[in-house]
Amino acid sequence: MEEMSTLKTLLLAYTANMQLFELTQSSFDYNLALYRRRKKRKLMVLQHLRKRQIFLLGLLQQNATQRSLWKLDRESQFWEIIYDSSDDYFKSHLRMTRASFEILCSLLRNLKRADTACRRAIPLPKRIAIALFALGSSVEYRVVSELFGVGKSTVCTILLEFCKEVWPAMSTQYIKKLPPTNETLAEYVEGFSRLGFPQCLGAIGGCHIEIKPNPTEANDYCNIKGWYSIVLLALVDYRCTRKLQRFTNIRYIATKAVIDAE
């Protein structure tokens, strides 16, 4: 009897476990079929979106505006004429002698750009000439671009690069005293503020100094009164007493440069 009872108990346990296994297997098969259906549906959606993407890309390529030129070709022989002309003609346009121009080109070699596979770079002498002509005249960028055969944005870029490069390349050689520090500037402003002149850094004055210029350069030093001179510009700080007053900046300028600036 005990053996029959044990076998019956084992049979019942086996039957219960088989039912549980079949229930688990049925649930697993259902979830697996559901996952496969969802995966198939998502793949169909992705294929549909891919087809639409390819279709829209084809429409965009058909209707897109094609850029036919990398840059607008401009024809101008202005720089070539100046470069091959006489020294007087060269100086009249770039405001410096050919020798000084060559020295400037040697000092500003960092402005040189390398050629690329798309186009040739503007030569270094021409880049410096563009900057000098723009700084030495009051013409617009549009006029400079037409004269040198480059774009207006190119003139602006070259001019900014030129001005940024001049200071680190030439300041140590041609400027003996560096500009005042922020603390010194604050002292100047405070000193003039106490005198009743707020937001002032210095008092400026000037005078004409008569000279005998070189006959080839006399035209650059003729003032409005008909005699030759250079202009002395001086900047002093806030100290009013002559014994304490200090010159913070002194410049000699050709008369013609002042007249052009005015």
Protein backbone atom coordinates (compact mmCIF):
# COMPACT_ATOMS: atom_id res chain seq x y z
CA MET A 1 0.00 0.00 0.00
CA GLU A 2 2.80 2.39 0.81
CA GLU A 3 4.41 1.74 -2.56
CA MET A 4 1.12 2.41 -4.36
CA SER A 5 0.68 5.62 -2.37
CA THR A 6 4.22 6.73 -3.22
CA LEU A 7 3.77 5.97 -6.92
CA LYS A 8 0.48 7.83 -6.91
CA THR A 9 2.11 10.85 -5.29
CA LEU A 10 4.95 10.79 -7.81
CA LEU A 11 2.49 10.47 -10.68
CA LEU A 12 0.51 13.46 -9.44
CA ALA A 13 3.69 15.53 -9.03
CA TYR A 14 4.87 14.52 -12.50
CA THR A 15 1.50 15.43 -13.99
CA ALA A 16 1.54 18.85 -12.25
CA ASN A 17 5.07 19.54 -13.43
CA MET A 18 4.20 18.53 -16.98
CA GLN A 19 1.21 20.89 -16.94
CA LEU A 20 3.41 23.71 -15.67
CA PHE A 21 6.06 22.93 -18.32
CA GLU A 22 3.46 22.89 -21.08
CA LEU A 23 2.01 26.19 -19.81
CA THR A 24 5.50 27.75 -19.74
CA GLN A 25 6.32 26.37 -23.18
CA SER A 26 3.03 27.72 -24.56
CA SER A 27 3.73 31.18 -23.08
CA PHE A 28 7.27 31.16 -24.49
CA ASP A 29 6.04 30.18 -27.96
CA TYR A 30 3.42 32.94 -27.86
CA ASN A 31 5.94 35.60 -26.82
CA LEU A 32 8.43 34.39 -29.43
CA ALA A 33 5.79 34.56 -32.18
CA LEU A 34 4.73 38.05 -30.97
CA TYR A 35 8.38 39.23 -31.01
CA ARG A 36 8.88 37.88 -34.52
CA ARG A 37 5.72 39.61 -35.77
CA ARG A 38 6.78 42.92 -34.23
CA LYS A 39 10.28 42.57 -35.65
CA LYS A 40 8.89 41.85 -39.10
CA ARG A 41 6.54 44.85 -38.85
CA LYS A 42 9.43 47.14 -37.82
CA LEU A 43 11.59 45.88 -40.68
CA MET A 44 8.76 46.63 -43.11
CA VAL A 45 8.43 50.15 -41.69
CA LEU A 46 12.21 50.72 -41.97
CA GLN A 47 12.23 49.49 -45.56
CA HIS A 48 9.35 51.84 -46.37
CA LEU A 49 11.14 54.79 -44.76
CA ARG A 50 14.34 53.91 -46.58
CA LYS A 51 12.52 53.91 -49.91
CA ARG A 52 10.96 57.30 -49.14
CA GLN A 53 14.37 58.67 -48.10
CA ILE A 54 15.93 57.54 -51.36
CA PHE A 55 13.01 59.03 -53.29
CA LEU A 56 13.26 62.40 -51.51
CA LEU A 57 17.04 62.46 -51.95
CA GLY A 58 16.58 61.95 -55.67
CA LEU A 59 14.10 64.85 -55.80
CA LEU A 60 16.51 67.12 -53.92
CA GLN A 61 19.36 66.27 -56.25
CA GLN A 62 17.19 67.01 -59.28
CA ASN A 63 15.89 70.34 -57.95
CA ALA A 64 19.03 71.52 -56.10
CA THR A 65 20.83 74.56 -57.46
CA GLN A 66 24.16 73.42 -58.83
CA ARG A 67 27.13 75.68 -58.13
CA SER A 68 28.85 76.02 -61.44
CA LEU A 69 31.88 78.04 -60.25
CA TRP A 70 34.12 77.79 -57.22
CA LYS A 71 34.80 81.50 -57.53
CA LEU A 72 34.01 84.28 -59.95
CA ASP A 73 36.87 84.78 -62.36
CA ARG A 74 37.89 88.43 -62.42
CA GLU A 75 40.31 89.98 -64.85
CA SER A 76 42.51 92.85 -63.72
CA GLN A 77 46.06 93.88 -64.61
CA PHE A 78 46.27 96.70 -62.06
CA TRP A 79 48.71 94.93 -59.73
CA GLU A 80 50.85 93.62 -62.59
CA ILE A 81 51.13 97.13 -64.04
CA ILE A 82 52.14 98.61 -60.67
CA TYR A 83 54.66 95.85 -59.96
CA ASP A 84 56.38 96.23 -63.32
CA SER A 85 56.22 100.04 -63.38
CA SER A 86 58.80 102.61 -62.34
CA ASP A 87 59.67 103.26 -58.71
CA ASP A 88 57.85 106.62 -58.68
CA TYR A 89 54.65 105.09 -60.06
CA PHE A 90 54.96 102.22 -57.57
CA LYS A 91 55.31 104.61 -54.62
CA SER A 92 52.46 106.86 -55.75
CA HIS A 93 49.99 103.96 -55.42
CA LEU A 94 51.34 101.94 -52.47
CA ARG A 95 52.74 104.91 -50.51
CA MET A 96 56.18 103.33 -50.04
CA THR A 97 59.27 102.65 -52.10
CA ARG A 98 59.87 99.32 -53.77
CA ALA A 99 62.76 98.59 -51.39
CA SER A 100 60.56 99.21 -48.35
CA PHE A 101 57.89 97.01 -49.89
CA GLU A 102 60.35 94.14 -50.32
CA ILE A 103 61.42 94.50 -46.68
CA LEU A 104 57.78 94.42 -45.59
CA CYS A 105 57.19 91.25 -47.60
CA SER A 106 60.16 89.58 -45.90
CA LEU A 107 58.83 90.53 -42.45
CA LEU A 108 55.27 89.35 -43.10
CA ARG A 109 55.98 85.91 -44.52
CA ASN A 110 53.29 84.35 -42.32
CA LEU A 111 50.69 85.94 -44.60
CA LYS A 112 51.73 83.61 -47.42
CA ARG A 113 49.16 80.95 -48.32
CA ALA A 114 49.77 77.63 -50.09
CA ASP A 115 48.04 76.53 -53.28
CA THR A 116 45.27 73.93 -53.01
CA ALA A 117 43.81 71.37 -55.40
CA CYS A 118 40.85 73.72 -56.03
CA ARG A 119 42.63 76.99 -56.79
CA ARG A 120 45.87 78.90 -56.60
CA ALA A 121 46.55 81.15 -53.63
CA ILE A 122 47.02 84.90 -53.96
CA PRO A 123 50.79 85.60 -53.95
CA LEU A 124 52.26 87.24 -50.87
CA PRO A 125 53.31 90.53 -52.59
CA LYS A 126 49.82 90.96 -54.01
CA ARG A 127 48.22 90.31 -50.60
CA ILE A 128 50.38 92.97 -48.98
CA ALA A 129 49.73 95.38 -51.87
CA ILE A 130 45.96 94.93 -51.42
CA ALA A 131 46.26 95.78 -47.72
CA LEU A 132 48.50 98.80 -48.34
CA PHE A 133 46.27 100.17 -51.08
CA ALA A 134 43.17 99.77 -48.90
CA LEU A 135 44.85 101.46 -45.92
CA GLY A 136 46.47 104.23 -47.99
CA SER A 137 43.31 105.34 -49.77
CA SER A 138 39.70 106.07 -48.91
CA VAL A 139 38.16 103.86 -51.60
CA GLU A 140 35.63 101.15 -50.81
CA TYR A 141 36.38 97.43 -50.72
CA ARG A 142 34.36 97.13 -53.92
CA VAL A 143 36.81 99.39 -55.76
CA VAL A 144 39.86 97.57 -54.36
CA SER A 145 38.39 94.21 -55.37
CA GLU A 146 37.80 95.38 -58.93
CA LEU A 147 41.30 96.86 -59.22
CA PHE A 148 43.09 93.76 -57.96
CA GLY A 149 40.71 91.18 -59.43
CA VAL A 150 39.61 89.60 -56.12
CA GLY A 151 36.37 89.43 -54.17
CA LYS A 152 35.23 92.03 -51.64
CA SER A 153 35.29 89.48 -48.84
CA THR A 154 38.84 88.58 -49.86
CA VAL A 155 39.93 92.21 -49.52
CA CYS A 156 38.38 92.39 -46.05
CA THR A 157 40.02 89.12 -44.96
CA ILE A 158 43.46 90.11 -46.28
CA LEU A 159 43.26 93.52 -44.59
CA LEU A 160 42.37 92.01 -41.20
CA GLU A 161 45.11 89.37 -41.48
CA PHE A 162 47.63 92.07 -42.44
CA CYS A 163 46.78 94.26 -39.44
CA LYS A 164 46.93 91.29 -37.06
CA GLU A 165 50.32 90.17 -38.40
CA VAL A 166 52.02 93.58 -38.43
CA TRP A 167 52.05 93.92 -34.64
CA PRO A 168 53.76 90.63 -33.66
CA ALA A 169 56.13 90.77 -36.64
CA MET A 170 57.27 94.40 -36.38
CA SER A 171 56.54 95.76 -32.91
CA THR A 172 59.77 94.51 -31.35
CA GLN A 173 61.88 96.08 -34.12
CA TYR A 174 60.21 99.45 -34.65
CA ILE A 175 58.53 100.29 -31.32
CA LYS A 176 60.97 100.99 -28.52
CA LYS A 177 58.34 101.40 -25.82
CA LEU A 178 55.32 99.15 -25.59
CA PRO A 179 51.82 100.58 -25.01
CA PRO A 180 50.88 101.31 -21.37
CA THR A 181 49.51 98.52 -19.23
CA ASN A 182 45.92 98.36 -18.01
CA GLU A 183 47.02 99.67 -14.61
CA THR A 184 48.71 102.69 -16.21
CA LEU A 185 45.68 103.42 -18.37
CA ALA A 186 43.46 103.26 -15.28
CA GLU A 187 45.80 105.74 -13.57
CA TYR A 188 45.55 108.13 -16.55
CA VAL A 189 41.76 107.95 -16.62
CA GLU A 190 41.54 108.52 -12.86
CA GLY A 191 43.91 111.49 -13.06
CA PHE A 192 41.94 113.24 -15.83
CA SER A 193 38.68 112.41 -14.03
CA ARG A 194 39.92 114.33 -10.97
CA LEU A 195 40.60 117.31 -13.26
CA GLY A 196 37.03 117.20 -14.57
CA PHE A 197 37.67 115.27 -17.79
CA PRO A 198 36.16 111.79 -17.38
CA GLN A 199 37.00 108.94 -19.75
CA CYS A 200 40.14 110.71 -21.02
CA LEU A 201 43.53 109.05 -21.56
CA GLY A 202 45.67 112.01 -22.60
CA ALA A 203 45.91 115.52 -23.99
CA ILE A 204 47.11 115.70 -27.60
CA GLY A 205 48.73 118.56 -29.45
CA GLY A 206 50.75 119.14 -32.60
CA CYS A 207 52.83 121.55 -34.63
CA HIS A 208 54.52 121.83 -38.03
CA ILE A 209 58.29 121.49 -38.20
CA GLU A 210 59.88 122.95 -41.32
CA ILE A 211 62.19 120.61 -43.23
CA LYS A 212 64.12 120.39 -46.50
CA PRO A 213 62.92 117.14 -48.06
CA ASN A 214 64.47 115.12 -50.84
CA PRO A 215 63.32 116.62 -54.19
CA THR A 216 61.87 113.26 -55.26
CA GLU A 217 59.69 113.14 -52.11
CA ALA A 218 58.93 116.83 -51.66
CA ASN A 219 55.30 116.43 -52.70
CA ASP A 220 54.61 114.29 -49.62
CA TYR A 221 55.74 117.03 -47.23
CA CYS A 222 54.11 120.15 -48.72
CA ASN A 223 51.54 121.62 -46.30
CA ILE A 224 48.53 123.79 -47.08
CA LYS A 225 50.58 126.97 -46.60
CA GLY A 226 52.97 126.03 -49.39
CA TRP A 227 56.11 125.13 -47.44
CA TYR A 228 57.56 121.75 -46.48
CA SER A 229 57.09 120.35 -43.02
CA ILE A 230 56.41 117.29 -40.90
CA VAL A 231 53.75 117.21 -38.21
CA LEU A 232 54.79 116.52 -34.63
CA LEU A 233 52.00 114.90 -32.60
CA ALA A 234 52.52 114.59 -28.85
CA LEU A 235 50.37 113.02 -26.12
CA VAL A 236 50.81 113.96 -22.44
CA ASP A 237 49.32 112.54 -19.25
CA TYR A 238 47.16 114.20 -16.58
CA ARG A 239 49.98 115.98 -14.72
CA CYS A 240 49.49 119.71 -15.27
CA THR A 241 52.78 120.93 -13.81
CA ARG A 242 55.46 121.15 -16.48
CA LYS A 243 58.05 119.58 -14.22
CA LEU A 244 55.85 116.51 -13.66
CA GLN A 245 54.02 116.30 -16.96
CA ARG A 246 55.13 113.32 -19.04
CA PHE A 247 54.95 112.61 -22.75
CA THR A 248 53.26 109.26 -23.31
CA ASN A 249 53.43 109.23 -27.11
CA ILE A 250 55.30 111.19 -29.80
CA ARG A 251 54.93 110.73 -33.56
CA TYR A 252 56.33 112.42 -36.66
CA ILE A 253 53.96 112.27 -39.64
CA ALA A 254 54.37 113.43 -43.20
CA THR A 255 52.21 116.42 -44.02
CA LYS A 256 50.49 114.73 -46.96
CA ALA A 257 49.38 111.83 -44.75
CA VAL A 258 47.66 114.26 -42.38
CA ILE A 259 45.96 116.10 -45.25
CA ASP A 260 44.69 112.82 -46.70
CA ALA A 261 43.36 111.75 -43.31
CA GLU A 262 41.44 115.00 -42.97
